[in-house]
Amino acid sequence: IEREMAQNRCFPTDRDVPGAYRSRVGLLGLG
């Protein structure tokens, strides 16, 4: 979103992001 704002010089109208609610995080490695 930050780089799109810098490119377009405006706030995005669509900020549909996963957020930290029931989203999925993957870890490659369990050391």
Full PDB file with SEQRES, HELIX, SHEET, SSBOND, CRYST1, ORIGX, SCALE, CONECT and MASTER records, all heavy atoms in Angstrom:
SEQRES   1 A   31  ILE GLU ARG GLU MET ALA GLN ASN ARG CYS PHE PRO THR          
SEQRES   2 A   31  ASP ARG ASP VAL PRO GLY ALA TYR ARG SER ARG VAL GLY          
SEQRES   3 A   31  LEU LEU GLY LEU GLY                                          
HELIX    1 AA1 GLU A    2  ASN A    8  1                                   7    
CRYST1    1.000    1.000    1.000  90.00  90.00  90.00 P 1           1          
ORIGX1      1.000000  0.000000  0.000000        0.00000                         
ORIGX2      0.000000  1.000000  0.000000        0.00000                         
ORIGX3      0.000000  0.000000  1.000000        0.00000                         
SCALE1      1.000000  0.000000  0.000000        0.00000                         
SCALE2      0.000000  1.000000  0.000000        0.00000                         
SCALE3      0.000000  0.000000  1.000000        0.00000                         
ATOM      1  N   ILE A   1       0.830  -1.210   0.000  1.00  0.00           N  
ATOM      2  CA  ILE A   1       0.000   0.000   0.000  1.00  0.00           C  
ATOM      3  C   ILE A   1       0.865   1.260   0.000  1.00  0.00           C  
ATOM      4  O   ILE A   1       0.577   2.242  -0.690  1.00  0.00           O  
ATOM      5  CB  ILE A   1      -0.977  -0.023   1.193  1.00  0.00           C  
ATOM      6  CG1 ILE A   1      -2.007  -1.149   0.988  1.00  0.00           C  
ATOM      7  CG2 ILE A   1      -1.651   1.323   1.381  1.00  0.00           C  
ATOM      8  CD1 ILE A   1      -2.911  -1.385   2.168  1.00  0.00           C  
ATOM      9  N   GLU A   2       1.970   1.214   0.736  1.00  0.00           N  
ATOM     10  CA  GLU A   2       2.860   2.386   0.796  1.00  0.00           C  
ATOM     11  C   GLU A   2       3.435   2.697  -0.582  1.00  0.00           C  
ATOM     12  O   GLU A   2       3.476   3.866  -0.999  1.00  0.00           O  
ATOM     13  CB  GLU A   2       3.982   2.110   1.801  1.00  0.00           C  
ATOM     14  CG  GLU A   2       4.952   3.284   2.006  1.00  0.00           C  
ATOM     15  CD  GLU A   2       6.052   3.343   0.966  1.00  0.00           C  
ATOM     16  OE1 GLU A   2       6.409   2.275   0.400  1.00  0.00           O  
ATOM     17  OE2 GLU A   2       6.537   4.457   0.684  1.00  0.00           O  
ATOM     18  N   ARG A   3       3.886   1.670  -1.304  1.00  0.00           N  
ATOM     19  CA  ARG A   3       4.465   1.966  -2.615  1.00  0.00           C  
ATOM     20  C   ARG A   3       3.400   2.384  -3.633  1.00  0.00           C  
ATOM     21  O   ARG A   3       3.669   3.211  -4.515  1.00  0.00           O  
ATOM     22  CB  ARG A   3       5.304   0.793  -3.129  1.00  0.00           C  
ATOM     23  CG  ARG A   3       4.598  -0.504  -3.345  1.00  0.00           C  
ATOM     24  CD  ARG A   3       5.586  -1.574  -3.847  1.00  0.00           C  
ATOM     25  NE  ARG A   3       4.941  -2.869  -3.997  1.00  0.00           N  
ATOM     26  CZ  ARG A   3       4.937  -3.826  -3.064  1.00  0.00           C  
ATOM     27  NH1 ARG A   3       5.554  -3.627  -1.912  1.00  0.00           N  
ATOM     28  NH2 ARG A   3       4.318  -4.968  -3.284  1.00  0.00           N  
ATOM     29  N   GLU A   4       2.184   1.865  -3.508  1.00  0.00           N  
ATOM     30  CA  GLU A   4       1.108   2.302  -4.403  1.00  0.00           C  
ATOM     31  C   GLU A   4       0.719   3.757  -4.124  1.00  0.00           C  
ATOM     32  O   GLU A   4       0.436   4.515  -5.045  1.00  0.00           O  
ATOM     33  CB  GLU A   4      -0.096   1.378  -4.262  1.00  0.00           C  
ATOM     34  CG  GLU A   4       0.145  -0.017  -4.841  1.00  0.00           C  
ATOM     35  CD  GLU A   4      -1.038  -0.952  -4.662  1.00  0.00           C  
ATOM     36  OE1 GLU A   4      -2.051  -0.517  -4.076  1.00  0.00           O  
ATOM     37  OE2 GLU A   4      -0.944  -2.110  -5.104  1.00  0.00           O  
ATOM     38  N   MET A   5       0.749   4.125  -2.838  1.00  0.00           N  
ATOM     39  CA  MET A   5       0.470   5.525  -2.498  1.00  0.00           C  
ATOM     40  C   MET A   5       1.535   6.447  -3.080  1.00  0.00           C  
ATOM     41  O   MET A   5       1.232   7.513  -3.623  1.00  0.00           O  
ATOM     42  CB  MET A   5       0.420   5.691  -0.981  1.00  0.00           C  
ATOM     43  CG  MET A   5      -0.835   5.137  -0.321  1.00  0.00           C  
ATOM     44  SD  MET A   5      -0.729   5.216   1.491  1.00  0.00           S  
ATOM     45  CE  MET A   5      -0.388   6.947   1.751  1.00  0.00           C  
ATOM     46  N   ALA A   6       2.804   6.039  -2.974  1.00  0.00           N  
ATOM     47  CA  ALA A   6       3.885   6.871  -3.490  1.00  0.00           C  
ATOM     48  C   ALA A   6       3.792   7.011  -5.004  1.00  0.00           C  
ATOM     49  O   ALA A   6       4.072   8.079  -5.564  1.00  0.00           O  
ATOM     50  CB  ALA A   6       5.229   6.263  -3.093  1.00  0.00           C  
ATOM     51  N   GLN A   7       3.360   5.934  -5.654  1.00  0.00           N  
ATOM     52  CA  GLN A   7       3.248   5.969  -7.114  1.00  0.00           C  
ATOM     53  C   GLN A   7       2.057   6.794  -7.577  1.00  0.00           C  
ATOM     54  O   GLN A   7       2.155   7.584  -8.528  1.00  0.00           O  
ATOM     55  CB  GLN A   7       3.136   4.547  -7.656  1.00  0.00           C  
ATOM     56  CG  GLN A   7       3.016   4.470  -9.174  1.00  0.00           C  
ATOM     57  CD  GLN A   7       2.897   3.035  -9.662  1.00  0.00           C  
ATOM     58  OE1 GLN A   7       2.921   2.093  -8.894  1.00  0.00           O  
ATOM     59  NE2 GLN A   7       2.756   2.884 -10.969  1.00  0.00           N  
ATOM     60  N   ASN A   8       0.924   6.659  -6.903  1.00  0.00           N  
ATOM     61  CA  ASN A   8      -0.318   7.297  -7.346  1.00  0.00           C  
ATOM     62  C   ASN A   8      -0.565   8.655  -6.704  1.00  0.00           C  
ATOM     63  O   ASN A   8      -1.497   9.370  -7.092  1.00  0.00           O  
ATOM     64  CB  ASN A   8      -1.512   6.376  -7.057  1.00  0.00           C  
ATOM     65  CG  ASN A   8      -1.391   5.049  -7.793  1.00  0.00           C  
ATOM     66  OD1 ASN A   8      -0.870   4.990  -8.903  1.00  0.00           O  
ATOM     67  ND2 ASN A   8      -1.874   3.978  -7.169  1.00  0.00           N  
ATOM     68  N   ARG A   9       0.222   9.003  -5.682  1.00  0.00           N  
ATOM     69  CA  ARG A   9       0.091  10.283  -4.967  1.00  0.00           C  
ATOM     70  C   ARG A   9      -1.307  10.468  -4.372  1.00  0.00           C  
ATOM     71  O   ARG A   9      -1.843  11.573  -4.368  1.00  0.00           O  
ATOM     72  CB  ARG A   9       0.414  11.456  -5.890  1.00  0.00           C  
ATOM     73  CG  ARG A   9       1.783  11.410  -6.555  1.00  0.00           C  
ATOM     74  CD  ARG A   9       2.913  11.549  -5.535  1.00  0.00           C  
ATOM     75  NE  ARG A   9       4.206  11.528  -6.169  1.00  0.00           N  
ATOM     76  CZ  ARG A   9       4.910  12.615  -6.505  1.00  0.00           C  
ATOM     77  NH1 ARG A   9       4.403  13.815  -6.284  1.00  0.00           N  
ATOM     78  NH2 ARG A   9       6.097  12.499  -7.057  1.00  0.00           N  
ATOM     79  N   CYS A  10      -1.899   9.380  -3.902  1.00  0.00           N  
ATOM     80  CA  CYS A  10      -3.202   9.490  -3.235  1.00  0.00           C  
ATOM     81  C   CYS A  10      -3.415   8.260  -2.369  1.00  0.00           C  
ATOM     82  O   CYS A  10      -2.718   7.252  -2.506  1.00  0.00           O  
ATOM     83  CB  CYS A  10      -4.335   9.617  -4.261  1.00  0.00           C  
ATOM     84  SG  CYS A  10      -4.548   8.155  -5.290  1.00  0.00           S  
ATOM     85  N   PHE A  11      -4.382   8.356  -1.453  1.00  0.00           N  
ATOM     86  CA  PHE A  11      -4.720   7.212  -0.630  1.00  0.00           C  
ATOM     87  C   PHE A  11      -5.522   6.205  -1.463  1.00  0.00           C  
ATOM     88  O   PHE A  11      -6.354   6.602  -2.276  1.00  0.00           O  
ATOM     89  CB  PHE A  11      -5.554   7.647   0.577  1.00  0.00           C  
ATOM     90  CG  PHE A  11      -4.737   8.190   1.714  1.00  0.00           C  
ATOM     91  CD1 PHE A  11      -3.431   8.611   1.534  1.00  0.00           C  
ATOM     92  CD2 PHE A  11      -5.294   8.271   2.980  1.00  0.00           C  
ATOM     93  CE1 PHE A  11      -2.687   9.110   2.587  1.00  0.00           C  
ATOM     94  CE2 PHE A  11      -4.555   8.763   4.048  1.00  0.00           C  
ATOM     95  CZ  PHE A  11      -3.253   9.185   3.846  1.00  0.00           C  
ATOM     96  N   PRO A  12      -5.276   4.922  -1.285  1.00  0.00           N  
ATOM     97  CA  PRO A  12      -6.045   3.933  -2.039  1.00  0.00           C  
ATOM     98  C   PRO A  12      -7.492   3.885  -1.548  1.00  0.00           C  
ATOM     99  O   PRO A  12      -7.777   4.089  -0.361  1.00  0.00           O  
ATOM    100  CB  PRO A  12      -5.320   2.617  -1.744  1.00  0.00           C  
ATOM    101  CG  PRO A  12      -4.682   2.835  -0.412  1.00  0.00           C  
ATOM    102  CD  PRO A  12      -4.302   4.283  -0.377  1.00  0.00           C  
ATOM    103  N   THR A  13      -8.392   3.631  -2.457  1.00  0.00           N  
ATOM    104  CA  THR A  13      -9.802   3.506  -2.071  1.00  0.00           C  
ATOM    105  C   THR A  13     -10.134   2.090  -1.635  1.00  0.00           C  
ATOM    106  O   THR A  13     -11.076   1.873  -0.874  1.00  0.00           O  
ATOM    107  CB  THR A  13     -10.711   3.905  -3.245  1.00  0.00           C  
ATOM    108  OG1 THR A  13     -10.387   3.099  -4.381  1.00  0.00           O  
ATOM    109  CG2 THR A  13     -10.507   5.381  -3.594  1.00  0.00           C  
ATOM    110  N   ASP A  14      -9.350   1.107  -2.103  1.00  0.00           N  
ATOM    111  CA  ASP A  14      -9.604  -0.291  -1.768  1.00  0.00           C  
ATOM    112  C   ASP A  14      -8.487  -0.782  -0.860  1.00  0.00           C  
ATOM    113  O   ASP A  14      -7.361  -0.990  -1.305  1.00  0.00           O  
ATOM    114  CB  ASP A  14      -9.662  -1.141  -3.040  1.00  0.00           C  
ATOM    115  CG  ASP A  14      -9.911  -2.622  -2.731  1.00  0.00           C  
ATOM    116  OD1 ASP A  14     -10.222  -2.930  -1.557  1.00  0.00           O  
ATOM    117  OD2 ASP A  14      -9.793  -3.448  -3.648  1.00  0.00           O  
ATOM    118  N   ARG A  15      -8.802  -0.920   0.422  1.00  0.00           N  
ATOM    119  CA  ARG A  15      -7.796  -1.396   1.373  1.00  0.00           C  
ATOM    120  C   ARG A  15      -8.221  -2.738   1.954  1.00  0.00           C  
ATOM    121  O   ARG A  15      -8.197  -2.957   3.150  1.00  0.00           O  
ATOM    122  CB  ARG A  15      -7.573  -0.362   2.472  1.00  0.00           C  
ATOM    123  CG  ARG A  15      -6.779   0.846   1.993  1.00  0.00           C  
ATOM    124  CD  ARG A  15      -6.694   1.925   3.041  1.00  0.00           C  
ATOM    125  NE  ARG A  15      -7.930   2.720   3.089  1.00  0.00           N  
ATOM    126  CZ  ARG A  15      -8.113   3.749   3.908  1.00  0.00           C  
ATOM    127  NH1 ARG A  15      -7.163   4.108   4.747  1.00  0.00           N  
ATOM    128  NH2 ARG A  15      -9.250   4.411   3.894  1.00  0.00           N  
ATOM    129  N   ASP A  16      -8.608  -3.639   1.101  1.00  0.00           N  
ATOM    130  CA  ASP A  16      -9.035  -4.975   1.508  1.00  0.00           C  
ATOM    131  C   ASP A  16      -7.797  -5.832   1.727  1.00  0.00           C  
ATOM    132  O   ASP A  16      -7.181  -6.333   0.780  1.00  0.00           O  
ATOM    133  CB  ASP A  16      -9.937  -5.588   0.435  1.00  0.00           C  
ATOM    134  CG  ASP A  16     -10.468  -6.954   0.857  1.00  0.00           C  
ATOM    135  OD1 ASP A  16     -10.413  -7.264   2.070  1.00  0.00           O  
ATOM    136  OD2 ASP A  16     -10.922  -7.711  -0.020  1.00  0.00           O  
ATOM    137  N   VAL A  17      -7.394  -5.965   2.978  1.00  0.00           N  
ATOM    138  CA  VAL A  17      -6.184  -6.728   3.314  1.00  0.00           C  
ATOM    139  C   VAL A  17      -6.559  -7.825   4.312  1.00  0.00           C  
ATOM    140  O   VAL A  17      -7.581  -7.739   5.008  1.00  0.00           O  
ATOM    141  CB  VAL A  17      -5.101  -5.811   3.908  1.00  0.00           C  
ATOM    142  CG1 VAL A  17      -4.708  -4.729   2.903  1.00  0.00           C  
ATOM    143  CG2 VAL A  17      -5.558  -5.178   5.208  1.00  0.00           C  
ATOM    144  N   PRO A  18      -5.729  -8.878   4.433  1.00  0.00           N  
ATOM    145  CA  PRO A  18      -6.056  -9.974   5.357  1.00  0.00           C  
ATOM    146  C   PRO A  18      -6.127  -9.531   6.810  1.00  0.00           C  
ATOM    147  O   PRO A  18      -7.034  -9.907   7.548  1.00  0.00           O  
ATOM    148  CB  PRO A  18      -4.918 -10.972   5.141  1.00  0.00           C  
ATOM    149  CG  PRO A  18      -4.317 -10.614   3.836  1.00  0.00           C  
ATOM    150  CD  PRO A  18      -4.514  -9.152   3.658  1.00  0.00           C  
ATOM    151  N   GLY A  19      -5.151  -8.703   7.253  1.00  0.00           N  
ATOM    152  CA  GLY A  19      -5.105  -8.329   8.664  1.00  0.00           C  
ATOM    153  C   GLY A  19      -4.777  -9.537   9.536  1.00  0.00           C  
ATOM    154  O   GLY A  19      -4.623 -10.664   9.058  1.00  0.00           O  
ATOM    155  N   ALA A  20      -4.683  -9.285  10.812  1.00  0.00           N  
ATOM    156  CA  ALA A  20      -4.313 -10.352  11.754  1.00  0.00           C  
ATOM    157  C   ALA A  20      -5.554 -10.981  12.381  1.00  0.00           C  
ATOM    158  O   ALA A  20      -5.648 -11.139  13.596  1.00  0.00           O  
ATOM    159  CB  ALA A  20      -3.386  -9.790  12.827  1.00  0.00           C  
ATOM    160  N   TYR A  21      -6.501 -11.350  11.532  1.00  0.00           N  
ATOM    161  CA  TYR A  21      -7.695 -12.012  12.029  1.00  0.00           C  
ATOM    162  C   TYR A  21      -8.029 -13.182  11.106  1.00  0.00           C  
ATOM    163  O   TYR A  21      -8.449 -13.003   9.971  1.00  0.00           O  
ATOM    164  CB  TYR A  21      -8.884 -11.058  12.106  1.00  0.00           C  
ATOM    165  CG  TYR A  21     -10.150 -11.711  12.633  1.00  0.00           C  
ATOM    166  CD1 TYR A  21     -10.246 -12.101  13.970  1.00  0.00           C  
ATOM    167  CD2 TYR A  21     -11.227 -11.938  11.794  1.00  0.00           C  
ATOM    168  CE1 TYR A  21     -11.381 -12.707  14.454  1.00  0.00           C  
ATOM    169  CE2 TYR A  21     -12.388 -12.539  12.274  1.00  0.00           C  
ATOM    170  CZ  TYR A  21     -12.456 -12.937  13.607  1.00  0.00           C  
ATOM    171  OH  TYR A  21     -13.595 -13.542  14.078  1.00  0.00           O  
ATOM    172  N   ARG A  22      -7.758 -14.369  11.608  1.00  0.00           N  
ATOM    173  CA  ARG A  22      -8.029 -15.616  10.904  1.00  0.00           C  
ATOM    174  C   ARG A  22      -7.358 -15.683   9.536  1.00  0.00           C  
ATOM    175  O   ARG A  22      -7.853 -16.329   8.621  1.00  0.00           O  
ATOM    176  CB  ARG A  22      -9.531 -15.856  10.814  1.00  0.00           C  
ATOM    177  CG  ARG A  22     -10.163 -15.956  12.200  1.00  0.00           C  
ATOM    178  CD  ARG A  22     -11.594 -16.410  12.178  1.00  0.00           C  
ATOM    179  NE  ARG A  22     -12.092 -16.517  13.547  1.00  0.00           N  
ATOM    180  CZ  ARG A  22     -13.333 -16.870  13.871  1.00  0.00           C  
ATOM    181  NH1 ARG A  22     -14.207 -17.145  12.905  1.00  0.00           N  
ATOM    182  NH2 ARG A  22     -13.706 -16.946  15.129  1.00  0.00           N  
ATOM    183  N   SER A  23      -6.260 -14.990   9.420  1.00  0.00           N  
ATOM    184  CA  SER A  23      -5.446 -15.089   8.216  1.00  0.00           C  
ATOM    185  C   SER A  23      -4.424 -16.210   8.426  1.00  0.00           C  
ATOM    186  O   SER A  23      -4.308 -16.775   9.509  1.00  0.00           O  
ATOM    187  CB  SER A  23      -4.753 -13.754   7.931  1.00  0.00           C  
ATOM    188  OG  SER A  23      -4.194 -13.220   9.113  1.00  0.00           O  
ATOM    189  N   ARG A  24      -3.663 -16.518   7.382  1.00  0.00           N  
ATOM    190  CA  ARG A  24      -2.755 -17.666   7.437  1.00  0.00           C  
ATOM    191  C   ARG A  24      -1.308 -17.199   7.302  1.00  0.00           C  
ATOM    192  O   ARG A  24      -0.962 -16.458   6.388  1.00  0.00           O  
ATOM    193  CB  ARG A  24      -3.073 -18.660   6.322  1.00  0.00           C  
ATOM    194  CG  ARG A  24      -4.494 -19.189   6.335  1.00  0.00           C  
ATOM    195  CD  ARG A  24      -4.680 -20.225   5.233  1.00  0.00           C  
ATOM    196  NE  ARG A  24      -4.710 -21.582   5.786  1.00  0.00           N  
ATOM    197  CZ  ARG A  24      -4.601 -22.679   5.046  1.00  0.00           C  
ATOM    198  NH1 ARG A  24      -4.411 -22.583   3.747  1.00  0.00           N  
ATOM    199  NH2 ARG A  24      -4.657 -23.867   5.613  1.00  0.00           N  
ATOM    200  N   VAL A  25      -0.495 -17.685   8.230  1.00  0.00           N  
ATOM    201  CA  VAL A  25       0.941 -17.404   8.213  1.00  0.00           C  
ATOM    202  C   VAL A  25       1.671 -18.725   8.065  1.00  0.00           C  
ATOM    203  O   VAL A  25       1.409 -19.677   8.818  1.00  0.00           O  
ATOM    204  CB  VAL A  25       1.394 -16.676   9.494  1.00  0.00           C  
ATOM    205  CG1 VAL A  25       2.907 -16.449   9.473  1.00  0.00           C  
ATOM    206  CG2 VAL A  25       0.647 -15.358   9.655  1.00  0.00           C  
ATOM    207  N   GLY A  26       2.578 -18.800   7.103  1.00  0.00           N  
ATOM    208  CA  GLY A  26       3.315 -20.031   6.849  1.00  0.00           C  
ATOM    209  C   GLY A  26       4.768 -19.910   7.262  1.00  0.00           C  
ATOM    210  O   GLY A  26       5.438 -18.918   6.953  1.00  0.00           O  
ATOM    211  N   LEU A  27       5.265 -20.917   7.967  1.00  0.00           N  
ATOM    212  CA  LEU A  27       6.664 -20.962   8.397  1.00  0.00           C  
ATOM    213  C   LEU A  27       7.355 -22.124   7.700  1.00  0.00           C  
ATOM    214  O   LEU A  27       6.936 -23.275   7.845  1.00  0.00           O  
ATOM    215  CB  LEU A  27       6.761 -21.140   9.915  1.00  0.00           C  
ATOM    216  CG  LEU A  27       6.013 -20.116  10.774  1.00  0.00           C  
ATOM    217  CD1 LEU A  27       6.143 -20.469  12.251  1.00  0.00           C  
ATOM    218  CD2 LEU A  27       6.523 -18.713  10.509  1.00  0.00           C  
ATOM    219  N   LEU A  28       8.391 -21.822   6.936  1.00  0.00           N  
ATOM    220  CA  LEU A  28       9.177 -22.877   6.310  1.00  0.00           C  
ATOM    221  C   LEU A  28      10.347 -23.173   7.235  1.00  0.00           C  
ATOM    222  O   LEU A  28      11.370 -22.517   7.199  1.00  0.00           O  
ATOM    223  CB  LEU A  28       9.674 -22.439   4.932  1.00  0.00           C  
ATOM    224  CG  LEU A  28      10.383 -23.513   4.116  1.00  0.00           C  
ATOM    225  CD1 LEU A  28       9.468 -24.713   3.864  1.00  0.00           C  
ATOM    226  CD2 LEU A  28      10.875 -22.943   2.796  1.00  0.00           C  
ATOM    227  N   GLY A  29      10.163 -24.171   8.115  1.00  0.00           N  
ATOM    228  CA  GLY A  29      11.186 -24.529   9.089  1.00  0.00           C  
ATOM    229  C   GLY A  29      10.708 -24.313  10.508  1.00  0.00           C  
ATOM    230  O   GLY A  29      10.146 -23.260  10.832  1.00  0.00           O  
ATOM    231  N   LEU A  30      10.942 -25.333  11.357  1.00  0.00           N  
ATOM    232  CA  LEU A  30      10.540 -25.255  12.771  1.00  0.00           C  
ATOM    233  C   LEU A  30      11.740 -25.486  13.690  1.00  0.00           C  
ATOM    234  O   LEU A  30      11.673 -26.265  14.634  1.00  0.00           O  
ATOM    235  CB  LEU A  30       9.437 -26.274  13.070  1.00  0.00           C  
ATOM    236  CG  LEU A  30       8.015 -25.890  12.665  1.00  0.00           C  
ATOM    237  CD1 LEU A  30       7.045 -27.024  12.996  1.00  0.00           C  
ATOM    238  CD2 LEU A  30       7.572 -24.606  13.353  1.00  0.00           C  
ATOM    239  N   GLY A  31      12.830 -24.803  13.376  1.00  0.00           N  
ATOM    240  CA  GLY A  31      13.974 -24.827  14.274  1.00  0.00           C  
ATOM    241  C   GLY A  31      13.771 -23.836  15.409  1.00  0.00           C  
ATOM    242  O   GLY A  31      12.648 -23.464  15.744  1.00  0.00           O  
TER     243      GLY A  31                                                      
MASTER        0    0    0    1    0    0    0    6  242    1    0    3          
END                                                                             
